[in-house]
Amino acid sequence: MLERADIVLALIPLLAMSGLTVRALVVFTGIGTGLLAVPLAPLGYLAALGVVVRELVWTAVVNGGPTGRA
């Protein structure tokens, strides 16, 4: 059975690669759109970083802070 941690761990690389995938699709469909696709690659990495930070903060809030006491 899948748990939340498994889903989050699977989501991080998917988000990181999504920016590159969208950028590749835009670049391959036209040469002039290559300049528009440049910012898409870092967006996937930023989204993955956002998930990591959110999970770290959420875990700290749920566990009661850095001491782990609820």
Protein backbone atom coordinates (compact mmCIF):
# COMPACT_ATOMS: atom_id res chain seq x y z
CA MET A 1 0.00 0.00 0.00
CA LEU A 2 1.31 3.45 -0.91
CA GLU A 3 1.89 5.92 1.87
CA ARG A 4 2.35 9.67 1.73
CA ALA A 5 6.13 9.43 1.95
CA ASP A 6 6.25 7.11 -1.06
CA ILE A 7 4.15 9.50 -3.12
CA VAL A 8 6.28 12.50 -2.16
CA LEU A 9 9.49 10.67 -2.99
CA ALA A 10 8.09 9.73 -6.40
CA LEU A 11 6.82 13.27 -7.01
CA ILE A 12 10.18 15.01 -6.54
CA PRO A 13 12.01 13.57 -9.60
CA LEU A 14 8.84 13.81 -11.69
CA LEU A 15 8.58 17.52 -10.99
CA ALA A 16 12.29 18.04 -11.59
CA MET A 17 12.06 16.40 -15.01
CA SER A 18 8.78 18.04 -15.97
CA GLY A 19 10.43 21.38 -16.72
CA LEU A 20 12.95 19.72 -19.01
CA THR A 21 10.23 17.71 -20.72
CA VAL A 22 8.06 20.73 -21.40
CA ARG A 23 11.08 22.66 -22.61
CA ALA A 24 12.03 19.86 -25.00
CA LEU A 25 8.49 19.71 -26.39
CA VAL A 26 8.45 23.46 -27.01
CA VAL A 27 11.90 23.48 -28.59
CA PHE A 28 11.19 20.55 -30.89
CA THR A 29 7.98 22.09 -32.19
CA GLY A 30 9.66 25.25 -33.46
CA ILE A 31 13.00 27.01 -33.63
CA GLY A 32 11.66 30.48 -32.78
CA THR A 33 10.07 29.26 -29.58
CA GLY A 34 13.42 28.11 -28.18
CA LEU A 35 13.97 31.44 -26.48
CA LEU A 36 10.57 31.18 -24.82
CA ALA A 37 11.36 27.72 -23.47
CA VAL A 38 14.57 28.69 -21.66
CA PRO A 39 12.90 29.52 -18.29
CA LEU A 40 10.88 26.28 -18.28
CA ALA A 41 13.74 24.00 -17.21
CA PRO A 42 14.43 25.71 -13.87
CA LEU A 43 10.72 25.80 -13.07
CA GLY A 44 10.65 22.01 -12.68
CA TYR A 45 13.59 22.12 -10.31
CA LEU A 46 11.99 24.94 -8.32
CA ALA A 47 8.75 22.99 -8.07
CA ALA A 48 10.64 19.93 -6.77
CA LEU A 49 12.50 22.13 -4.28
CA GLY A 50 9.18 23.59 -3.18
CA VAL A 51 7.84 20.10 -2.46
CA VAL A 52 10.94 19.24 -0.43
CA VAL A 53 10.76 22.44 1.61
CA ARG A 54 7.02 22.05 2.14
CA GLU A 55 7.45 18.49 3.39
CA LEU A 56 10.27 19.50 5.73
CA VAL A 57 8.22 22.36 7.18
CA TRP A 58 5.02 20.32 7.35
CA THR A 59 6.81 17.47 9.11
CA ALA A 60 8.28 19.91 11.64
CA VAL A 61 4.84 21.43 12.29
CA VAL A 62 3.11 18.07 12.68
CA ASN A 63 5.84 16.67 14.93
CA GLY A 64 5.83 19.72 17.17
CA GLY A 65 9.04 21.42 16.13
CA PRO A 66 12.71 20.46 16.05
CA THR A 67 12.53 18.58 19.36
CA GLY A 68 9.94 16.16 18.03
CA ARG A 69 7.60 16.66 20.97
CA ALA A 70 3.92 17.02 20.18
